[in-house]
Amino acid sequence: MAANKYQRIAPLLFELEDQLRLLQLWQETQPSAEAFSSDLPFSHDTMEFPQWLQFIFLQRMHTLLKHSMALPKACAIAPYAEEYFKSLNANKQTLLSLLAEIDKILTEI
């Protein structure tokens, strides 16, 4: 079952990166070290949500996949993303759908 999740999640992570780039939310420069010290969900006090997706979520997920480590048993990124991206004037539906699918796969038993 875990191998199946790895196979299903991996392409979604690359699609997520592509969507962030397409929406011009990808950042070439990493945030400061202090930005990574947040204890709050999505580091919302030190990073913008797209930064968290890029520099924390995607990095962590790629590391877990690369080393065949246990994936999170639950994930609820999509609801936060829907709220965060309400004001985004770009076509965000693909991005939101990807996050919902990632949530679904990681939360499956």
C-alpha atoms as a PDB file:
ATOM      1  CA  MET A   1       0.000   0.000   0.000  1.00  0.00           C
ATOM      2  CA  ALA A   2       2.810   2.458   0.904  1.00  0.00           C
ATOM      3  CA  ALA A   3       4.571   1.885  -2.423  1.00  0.00           C
ATOM      4  CA  ASN A   4       1.306   2.682  -4.185  1.00  0.00           C
ATOM      5  CA  LYS A   5       1.058   5.974  -2.267  1.00  0.00           C
ATOM      6  CA  TYR A   6       4.617   6.852  -3.249  1.00  0.00           C
ATOM      7  CA  GLN A   7       3.800   6.208  -6.911  1.00  0.00           C
ATOM      8  CA  ARG A   8       0.647   8.296  -6.717  1.00  0.00           C
ATOM      9  CA  ILE A   9       2.129  11.218  -4.745  1.00  0.00           C
ATOM     10  CA  ALA A  10       5.400  11.700  -6.648  1.00  0.00           C
ATOM     11  CA  PRO A  11       3.907  13.028  -9.905  1.00  0.00           C
ATOM     12  CA  LEU A  12       1.501  15.254  -7.970  1.00  0.00           C
ATOM     13  CA  LEU A  13       4.425  16.940  -6.231  1.00  0.00           C
ATOM     14  CA  PHE A  14       6.009  17.774  -9.588  1.00  0.00           C
ATOM     15  CA  GLU A  15       2.666  19.037 -10.869  1.00  0.00           C
ATOM     16  CA  LEU A  16       2.348  21.192  -7.764  1.00  0.00           C
ATOM     17  CA  GLU A  17       5.734  22.743  -8.471  1.00  0.00           C
ATOM     18  CA  ASP A  18       4.699  23.363 -12.085  1.00  0.00           C
ATOM     19  CA  GLN A  19       1.495  25.078 -10.950  1.00  0.00           C
ATOM     20  CA  LEU A  20       3.345  27.314  -8.505  1.00  0.00           C
ATOM     21  CA  ARG A  21       5.673  28.335 -11.331  1.00  0.00           C
ATOM     22  CA  LEU A  22       2.800  28.853 -13.767  1.00  0.00           C
ATOM     23  CA  LEU A  23       0.992  31.098 -11.284  1.00  0.00           C
ATOM     24  CA  GLN A  24       4.267  32.971 -10.686  1.00  0.00           C
ATOM     25  CA  LEU A  25       4.292  31.927  -7.040  1.00  0.00           C
ATOM     26  CA  TRP A  26       7.648  30.134  -7.259  1.00  0.00           C
ATOM     27  CA  GLN A  27      10.523  31.914  -5.564  1.00  0.00           C
ATOM     28  CA  GLU A  28      14.169  31.538  -6.553  1.00  0.00           C
ATOM     29  CA  THR A  29      15.545  32.732  -3.220  1.00  0.00           C
ATOM     30  CA  GLN A  30      15.032  30.788  -0.030  1.00  0.00           C
ATOM     31  CA  PRO A  31      13.526  32.680   2.937  1.00  0.00           C
ATOM     32  CA  SER A  32      15.756  33.592   5.853  1.00  0.00           C
ATOM     33  CA  ALA A  33      16.688  30.983   8.452  1.00  0.00           C
ATOM     34  CA  GLU A  34      14.358  32.712  10.917  1.00  0.00           C
ATOM     35  CA  ALA A  35      11.405  32.035   8.619  1.00  0.00           C
ATOM     36  CA  PHE A  36      11.899  28.299   9.184  1.00  0.00           C
ATOM     37  CA  SER A  37      11.698  28.590  12.972  1.00  0.00           C
ATOM     38  CA  SER A  38       7.931  28.981  13.196  1.00  0.00           C
ATOM     39  CA  ASP A  39       5.912  26.569  15.319  1.00  0.00           C
ATOM     40  CA  LEU A  40       2.602  27.620  13.761  1.00  0.00           C
ATOM     41  CA  PRO A  41       0.746  25.621  11.110  1.00  0.00           C
ATOM     42  CA  PHE A  42       1.955  26.449   7.602  1.00  0.00           C
ATOM     43  CA  SER A  43       4.503  28.818   9.215  1.00  0.00           C
ATOM     44  CA  HIS A  44       1.923  31.505   8.580  1.00  0.00           C
ATOM     45  CA  ASP A  45       3.658  33.951  10.895  1.00  0.00           C
ATOM     46  CA  THR A  46       6.977  33.821   9.022  1.00  0.00           C
ATOM     47  CA  MET A  47       6.181  32.770   5.434  1.00  0.00           C
ATOM     48  CA  GLU A  48       3.571  33.264   2.786  1.00  0.00           C
ATOM     49  CA  PHE A  49       1.682  30.063   2.008  1.00  0.00           C
ATOM     50  CA  PRO A  50       3.328  29.541  -1.417  1.00  0.00           C
ATOM     51  CA  GLN A  51       6.714  29.805   0.308  1.00  0.00           C
ATOM     52  CA  TRP A  52       5.657  27.148   2.817  1.00  0.00           C
ATOM     53  CA  LEU A  53       4.529  24.878  -0.017  1.00  0.00           C
ATOM     54  CA  GLN A  54       7.800  25.334  -1.863  1.00  0.00           C
ATOM     55  CA  PHE A  55      10.384  25.409   0.890  1.00  0.00           C
ATOM     56  CA  ILE A  56       8.852  23.197   3.556  1.00  0.00           C
ATOM     57  CA  PHE A  57       6.118  20.927   2.185  1.00  0.00           C
ATOM     58  CA  LEU A  58       7.635  20.042  -1.200  1.00  0.00           C
ATOM     59  CA  GLN A  59      11.142  19.711   0.219  1.00  0.00           C
ATOM     60  CA  ARG A  60       9.968  17.465   3.063  1.00  0.00           C
ATOM     61  CA  MET A  61       7.812  15.305   0.793  1.00  0.00           C
ATOM     62  CA  HIS A  62      10.619  14.836  -1.746  1.00  0.00           C
ATOM     63  CA  THR A  63      12.957  13.808   1.087  1.00  0.00           C
ATOM     64  CA  LEU A  64      10.433  11.287   2.430  1.00  0.00           C
ATOM     65  CA  LEU A  65       9.960   9.778  -1.019  1.00  0.00           C
ATOM     66  CA  LYS A  66      13.666   9.720  -1.859  1.00  0.00           C
ATOM     67  CA  HIS A  67      14.515   7.838   1.338  1.00  0.00           C
ATOM     68  CA  SER A  68      11.362   5.665   1.383  1.00  0.00           C
ATOM     69  CA  MET A  69      10.403   7.138   4.750  1.00  0.00           C
ATOM     70  CA  ALA A  70       6.905   7.031   6.205  1.00  0.00           C
ATOM     71  CA  LEU A  71       4.518   9.517   4.653  1.00  0.00           C
ATOM     72  CA  PRO A  72       2.209  11.630   6.819  1.00  0.00           C
ATOM     73  CA  LYS A  73      -0.918   9.714   7.833  1.00  0.00           C
ATOM     74  CA  ALA A  74      -3.128  12.770   7.541  1.00  0.00           C
ATOM     75  CA  CYS A  75      -3.001  15.933   5.530  1.00  0.00           C
ATOM     76  CA  ALA A  76      -5.335  18.923   5.301  1.00  0.00           C
ATOM     77  CA  ILE A  77      -3.614  21.490   3.127  1.00  0.00           C
ATOM     78  CA  ALA A  78      -6.461  22.082   0.653  1.00  0.00           C
ATOM     79  CA  PRO A  79      -8.850  23.900   3.032  1.00  0.00           C
ATOM     80  CA  TYR A  80      -6.116  26.348   4.047  1.00  0.00           C
ATOM     81  CA  ALA A  81      -5.127  26.810   0.399  1.00  0.00           C
ATOM     82  CA  GLU A  82      -8.710  27.540  -0.621  1.00  0.00           C
ATOM     83  CA  GLU A  83      -8.906  30.288   1.981  1.00  0.00           C
ATOM     84  CA  TYR A  84      -5.452  31.681   1.204  1.00  0.00           C
ATOM     85  CA  PHE A  85      -5.958  31.779  -2.567  1.00  0.00           C
ATOM     86  CA  LYS A  86      -9.444  33.314  -2.534  1.00  0.00           C
ATOM     87  CA  SER A  87      -8.009  36.642  -3.654  1.00  0.00           C
ATOM     88  CA  LEU A  88      -5.680  35.174  -6.295  1.00  0.00           C
ATOM     89  CA  ASN A  89      -6.918  36.436  -9.645  1.00  0.00           C
ATOM     90  CA  ALA A  90      -5.250  33.665 -11.604  1.00  0.00           C
ATOM     91  CA  ASN A  91      -6.679  30.271 -12.511  1.00  0.00           C
ATOM     92  CA  LYS A  92      -6.041  28.525  -9.219  1.00  0.00           C
ATOM     93  CA  GLN A  93      -8.404  25.563  -9.663  1.00  0.00           C
ATOM     94  CA  THR A  94      -5.689  23.164 -10.851  1.00  0.00           C
ATOM     95  CA  LEU A  95      -3.514  24.081  -7.878  1.00  0.00           C
ATOM     96  CA  LEU A  96      -6.391  23.576  -5.444  1.00  0.00           C
ATOM     97  CA  SER A  97      -7.330  20.264  -7.079  1.00  0.00           C
ATOM     98  CA  LEU A  98      -3.756  19.011  -6.762  1.00  0.00           C
ATOM     99  CA  LEU A  99      -3.653  19.883  -3.073  1.00  0.00           C
ATOM    100  CA  ALA A 100      -7.018  18.189  -2.492  1.00  0.00           C
ATOM    101  CA  GLU A 101      -5.746  15.047  -4.235  1.00  0.00           C
ATOM    102  CA  ILE A 102      -2.549  15.049  -2.149  1.00  0.00           C
ATOM    103  CA  ASP A 103      -4.669  15.407   1.019  1.00  0.00           C
ATOM    104  CA  LYS A 104      -6.875  12.520  -0.097  1.00  0.00           C
ATOM    105  CA  ILE A 105      -4.000  10.148  -0.882  1.00  0.00           C
ATOM    106  CA  LEU A 106      -2.084  10.871   2.317  1.00  0.00           C
ATOM    107  CA  THR A 107      -5.177  10.485   4.478  1.00  0.00           C
ATOM    108  CA  GLU A 108      -6.288   7.165   2.925  1.00  0.00           C
ATOM    109  CA  ILE A 109      -5.899   4.095   5.053  1.00  0.00           C
END
